Amino acid sequence: MNKLISFVLLSCIALFTLSCGDDDTASGEFNDANGNVQPKLIESIAVTSAQDPLENTTVMFTYTSDGQLSTISDGSETGIFVYDNSDNLTNISGSGDNLNIEELYESPYDAFETGDVIAYDGDGNPITIEFYEEEYDFNTDTYVTKVYTADISYDDEHNPYFFTLEAGGLIEVMDDVELNFSMNPQLPEIVQARMLFPVNNPSQIIYKNEEGAIIYTINANYVYDDENYPTSATVTSIEAEDSGLSTYTAVFTYVED
């Protein structure tokens, strides 16, 4: 199960209770925040860099005839979803991190993989994540750990990956997580994925250093279809230190009904 955190999110445990809405499962919070959403399965995400064509990538999703998620691949790395005879997810083999938010946004940080959630909004979205960076201190000739934060904002539209993750059995796995102090028997990676799972679509991430100064900003502007699924996005990132600007575009396609 070590690949279960490949989506948006996911290796330390933050021990506190989350309770928002009538149901504190991932699926319950998604429904509380978004109401009835027409299910759609992602077929591909094509990312194009305005800076370097070598950064261009297309993430492809395949499904079984029964609609279960089978593989996620960017052409060089592939994650393979394995199920038992009862269609329960048992493992994700292969390699790749193709559904990690920061990977898709070309972020230099991994707050969504190693961070602790400090605050949620009223819908259950993580809005402040604390994470840690190892930096070299030339004065002491050693590496020191510094505490950074990521502030996340969301569009009102639902998380477009929800039903794709559900087709891969990941929502069911996260729904089995109890966010309380008796979580020790559960895998830390799954707990992390559950705690960082957003019910809405992230549109901005602002990274700050220990002094609270902004060091990096990511903004995503989406075009949505009539069912509030993104069809395209323009992602811009700014590194504060050198005012470096990077731009990416993404095009989403979905499996036809």
Protein backbone atom coordinates (compact mmCIF):
# COMPACT_ATOMS: atom_id res chain seq x y z
CA MET A 1 0.00 0.00 0.00
CA ASN A 2 3.02 2.31 -0.04
CA LYS A 3 1.80 3.94 -3.26
CA LEU A 4 -1.62 4.87 -1.87
CA ILE A 5 -0.46 8.42 -1.32
CA SER A 6 0.21 9.10 -5.01
CA PHE A 7 -2.70 11.54 -5.35
CA VAL A 8 -2.61 14.87 -3.81
CA LEU A 9 -1.28 14.24 -0.61
CA LEU A 10 0.99 12.26 1.83
CA SER A 11 4.08 10.46 5.34
CA CYS A 12 3.81 11.93 8.82
CA ILE A 13 0.84 11.65 11.18
CA ALA A 14 -0.80 14.67 12.77
CA LEU A 15 -2.77 13.44 15.76
CA PHE A 16 -5.96 15.39 16.02
CA THR A 17 -9.62 14.88 15.22
CA LEU A 18 -11.28 16.28 12.11
CA SER A 19 -15.05 16.60 12.17
CA CYS A 20 -16.85 18.65 9.59
CA GLY A 21 -20.22 18.04 8.05
CA ASP A 22 -22.51 15.17 8.96
CA ASP A 23 -20.04 12.51 7.86
CA ASP A 24 -16.31 12.72 8.48
CA THR A 25 -15.40 10.20 5.79
CA ALA A 26 -13.81 11.49 2.60
CA SER A 27 -16.90 10.62 0.57
CA GLY A 28 -19.21 12.15 3.19
CA GLU A 29 -17.32 15.43 3.27
CA PHE A 30 -17.20 15.53 -0.54
CA ASN A 31 -20.98 15.15 -0.71
CA ASP A 32 -21.56 17.66 2.11
CA ALA A 33 -19.47 20.29 0.33
CA ASN A 34 -20.57 19.68 -3.25
CA GLY A 35 -24.01 18.09 -3.26
CA ASN A 36 -24.90 15.84 -6.17
CA VAL A 37 -22.03 15.74 -8.67
CA GLN A 38 -22.17 13.94 -12.00
CA PRO A 39 -19.39 11.29 -11.88
CA LYS A 40 -16.67 11.60 -14.51
CA LEU A 41 -13.47 9.61 -14.89
CA ILE A 42 -10.31 11.36 -16.06
CA GLU A 43 -8.84 9.91 -19.23
CA SER A 44 -5.80 12.16 -19.64
CA ILE A 45 -4.05 15.28 -18.37
CA ALA A 46 -1.68 16.88 -20.89
CA VAL A 47 0.73 19.39 -19.33
CA THR A 48 2.69 21.80 -21.53
CA SER A 49 5.53 24.01 -20.30
CA ALA A 50 6.02 27.50 -21.73
CA GLN A 51 9.68 27.37 -20.67
CA ASP A 52 11.00 23.94 -21.62
CA PRO A 53 9.38 21.36 -23.91
CA LEU A 54 11.30 18.65 -22.08
CA GLU A 55 8.94 19.29 -19.14
CA ASN A 56 5.87 18.46 -21.24
CA THR A 57 4.04 15.36 -20.10
CA THR A 58 0.77 13.53 -20.58
CA VAL A 59 -0.68 11.42 -17.79
CA MET A 60 -2.97 8.66 -19.07
CA PHE A 61 -5.59 6.70 -17.12
CA THR A 62 -6.93 3.31 -18.15
CA TYR A 63 -9.90 1.42 -16.74
CA THR A 64 -11.28 -2.11 -16.77
CA SER A 65 -14.52 -2.96 -18.53
CA ASP A 66 -16.19 -2.68 -15.12
CA GLY A 67 -14.96 0.90 -14.68
CA GLN A 68 -12.19 0.19 -12.19
CA LEU A 69 -9.02 2.26 -12.47
CA SER A 70 -6.36 0.00 -13.98
CA THR A 71 -3.24 2.11 -14.60
CA ILE A 72 -1.89 5.64 -14.33
CA SER A 73 1.08 6.35 -16.60
CA ASP A 74 3.12 9.28 -17.92
CA GLY A 75 4.81 7.11 -20.55
CA SER A 76 7.90 6.41 -18.48
CA GLU A 77 6.44 5.44 -15.09
CA THR A 78 3.26 3.43 -14.55
CA GLY A 79 1.24 2.69 -11.43
CA ILE A 80 -0.80 -0.53 -11.68
CA PHE A 81 -3.88 -0.99 -9.48
CA VAL A 82 -4.34 -4.53 -8.13
CA TYR A 83 -7.67 -5.83 -6.79
CA ASP A 84 -8.82 -9.04 -5.11
CA ASN A 85 -11.69 -11.26 -6.21
CA SER A 86 -14.12 -8.97 -4.40
CA ASP A 87 -12.87 -5.91 -6.32
CA ASN A 88 -11.16 -4.46 -3.24
CA LEU A 89 -7.90 -2.61 -3.81
CA THR A 90 -5.00 -4.65 -2.45
CA ASN A 91 -1.93 -2.91 -3.86
CA ILE A 92 -0.59 -0.33 -6.29
CA SER A 93 2.48 -1.74 -7.99
CA GLY A 94 4.90 -0.18 -10.44
CA SER A 95 6.15 3.36 -10.01
CA GLY A 96 5.27 7.00 -10.43
CA ASP A 97 3.78 9.93 -8.57
CA ASN A 98 1.57 11.16 -11.36
CA LEU A 99 -1.36 12.43 -9.30
CA ASN A 100 0.59 14.44 -6.79
CA ILE A 101 -0.67 18.04 -6.88
CA GLU A 102 2.79 19.56 -6.55
CA GLU A 103 4.14 17.23 -9.23
CA LEU A 104 1.46 18.41 -11.65
CA TYR A 105 2.13 22.03 -10.69
CA GLU A 106 5.94 21.56 -11.02
CA SER A 107 6.36 22.74 -7.43
CA PRO A 108 9.82 22.54 -5.80
CA TYR A 109 8.27 21.57 -2.45
CA ASP A 110 6.50 18.47 -1.17
CA ALA A 111 4.15 19.91 1.44
CA PHE A 112 1.36 17.66 0.19
CA GLU A 113 3.48 14.58 0.83
CA THR A 114 5.19 15.33 4.13
CA GLY A 115 3.18 18.10 5.74
CA ASP A 116 1.03 18.27 8.86
CA VAL A 117 -2.36 19.96 8.53
CA ILE A 118 -2.64 22.98 10.83
CA ALA A 119 -6.06 24.26 9.74
CA TYR A 120 -9.08 23.27 7.64
CA ASP A 121 -11.82 25.40 6.15
CA GLY A 122 -15.51 24.80 6.81
CA ASP A 123 -15.79 22.23 4.03
CA GLY A 124 -12.90 20.12 5.27
CA ASN A 125 -10.23 21.35 2.86
CA PRO A 126 -6.72 21.69 4.36
CA ILE A 127 -5.90 25.41 4.16
CA THR A 128 -2.65 25.55 6.13
CA ILE A 129 0.00 22.83 6.00
CA GLU A 130 3.23 22.87 7.99
CA PHE A 131 6.18 21.09 6.39
CA TYR A 132 9.92 20.83 6.85
CA GLU A 133 12.92 21.60 4.67
CA GLU A 134 16.54 20.56 5.22
CA GLU A 135 18.87 23.47 4.49
CA TYR A 136 22.64 23.77 4.65
CA ASP A 137 23.99 26.22 7.23
CA PHE A 138 27.36 27.54 6.08
CA ASN A 139 28.09 29.02 9.52
CA THR A 140 27.88 25.66 11.28
CA ASP A 141 28.72 23.44 8.31
CA THR A 142 25.64 21.32 9.06
CA TYR A 143 22.12 20.78 7.75
CA VAL A 144 19.30 22.31 9.78
CA THR A 145 15.57 21.63 9.64
CA LYS A 146 13.37 24.64 9.01
CA VAL A 147 9.60 24.83 9.36
CA TYR A 148 7.72 26.16 6.34
CA THR A 149 4.01 26.60 5.72
CA ALA A 150 1.76 26.27 2.68
CA ASP A 151 -1.50 28.22 2.53
CA ILE A 152 -4.00 26.73 0.06
CA SER A 153 -7.04 28.35 -1.55
CA TYR A 154 -9.76 26.57 -3.51
CA ASP A 155 -12.30 27.17 -6.24
CA ASP A 156 -15.91 26.48 -5.30
CA GLU A 157 -15.93 23.57 -7.76
CA HIS A 158 -15.50 19.99 -6.55
CA ASN A 159 -12.26 18.01 -6.54
CA PRO A 160 -12.17 16.70 -10.14
CA TYR A 161 -10.12 13.64 -9.15
CA PHE A 162 -12.67 12.29 -6.67
CA PHE A 163 -14.46 9.79 -8.90
CA THR A 164 -11.23 8.68 -10.56
CA LEU A 165 -9.79 7.93 -7.12
CA GLU A 166 -13.04 6.21 -6.18
CA ALA A 167 -12.72 4.02 -9.29
CA GLY A 168 -9.27 3.05 -7.98
CA GLY A 169 -10.58 2.06 -4.55
CA LEU A 170 -8.69 4.90 -2.84
CA ILE A 171 -11.74 6.69 -1.48
CA GLU A 172 -12.94 3.47 0.14
CA VAL A 173 -9.51 2.99 1.69
CA MET A 174 -9.50 6.55 3.04
CA ASP A 175 -13.06 6.17 4.34
CA ASP A 176 -11.82 3.39 6.62
CA VAL A 177 -9.45 5.80 8.37
CA GLU A 178 -10.55 6.99 11.80
CA LEU A 179 -9.03 10.36 12.55
CA ASN A 180 -8.53 9.98 16.25
CA PHE A 181 -5.89 9.06 18.79
CA SER A 182 -6.38 5.32 18.29
CA MET A 183 -5.09 5.36 14.73
CA ASN A 184 -1.86 3.48 15.48
CA PRO A 185 -2.86 0.23 13.74
CA GLN A 186 -3.44 2.08 10.48
CA LEU A 187 -0.81 2.74 7.83
CA PRO A 188 0.66 6.25 8.23
CA GLU A 189 0.56 6.83 4.48
CA ILE A 190 -3.18 6.22 4.32
CA VAL A 191 -3.80 8.43 7.35
CA GLN A 192 -1.75 11.16 5.69
CA ALA A 193 -3.69 10.85 2.45
CA ARG A 194 -6.97 11.07 4.32
CA MET A 195 -6.00 14.14 6.33
CA LEU A 196 -4.74 16.05 3.28
CA PHE A 197 -7.63 15.11 0.99
CA PRO A 198 -9.37 18.21 -0.45
CA VAL A 199 -13.05 18.15 -1.39
CA ASN A 200 -12.69 21.21 -3.65
CA ASN A 201 -10.25 22.06 -6.44
CA PRO A 202 -7.01 23.79 -5.30
CA SER A 203 -6.42 27.08 -7.12
CA GLN A 204 -3.56 28.70 -5.18
CA ILE A 205 -0.67 27.60 -2.98
CA ILE A 206 1.45 30.17 -1.13
CA TYR A 207 4.63 28.88 0.49
CA LYS A 208 6.16 30.81 3.39
CA ASN A 209 9.42 30.47 5.30
CA GLU A 210 9.89 30.45 9.08
CA GLU A 211 9.70 34.24 9.21
CA GLY A 212 6.36 34.23 7.37
CA ALA A 213 7.79 35.72 4.17
CA ILE A 214 6.39 34.43 0.89
CA ILE A 215 8.99 32.38 -0.97
CA TYR A 216 6.93 30.75 -3.72
CA THR A 217 3.43 31.16 -5.15
CA ILE A 218 1.41 28.93 -7.46
CA ASN A 219 -1.83 30.09 -9.11
CA ALA A 220 -4.09 27.86 -11.22
CA ASN A 221 -6.86 29.37 -13.35
CA TYR A 222 -9.32 26.78 -14.64
CA VAL A 223 -11.89 26.64 -17.41
CA TYR A 224 -14.82 24.45 -16.33
CA ASP A 225 -17.47 22.61 -18.32
CA ASP A 226 -21.21 22.64 -17.58
CA GLU A 227 -20.73 19.94 -14.93
CA ASN A 228 -17.97 21.89 -13.13
CA TYR A 229 -15.11 19.70 -14.28
CA PRO A 230 -11.95 21.47 -15.52
CA THR A 231 -11.30 21.21 -19.23
CA SER A 232 -8.12 23.29 -19.13
CA ALA A 233 -5.93 25.22 -16.72
CA THR A 234 -3.19 27.81 -16.79
CA VAL A 235 -0.74 27.44 -13.94
CA THR A 236 1.76 30.18 -13.07
CA SER A 237 4.44 30.00 -10.39
CA ILE A 238 6.62 32.77 -9.01
CA GLU A 239 9.79 32.29 -6.99
CA ALA A 240 10.15 35.32 -4.73
CA GLU A 241 13.95 35.24 -4.45
CA ASP A 242 14.64 35.92 -8.12
CA SER A 243 11.11 36.83 -9.31
CA GLY A 244 11.32 33.87 -11.67
CA LEU A 245 8.04 33.18 -13.46
CA SER A 246 7.01 29.81 -14.92
CA THR A 247 3.84 29.02 -16.82
CA TYR A 248 2.21 25.71 -17.64
CA THR A 249 -1.03 24.77 -19.35
CA ALA A 250 -3.03 21.60 -18.77
CA VAL A 251 -5.79 20.01 -20.83
CA PHE A 252 -8.15 17.47 -19.23
CA THR A 253 -10.11 14.80 -21.06
CA TYR A 254 -12.67 12.40 -19.61
CA VAL A 255 -13.94 8.94 -20.39
CA GLU A 256 -17.03 9.09 -22.60
CA ASP A 257 -20.23 7.76 -21.03
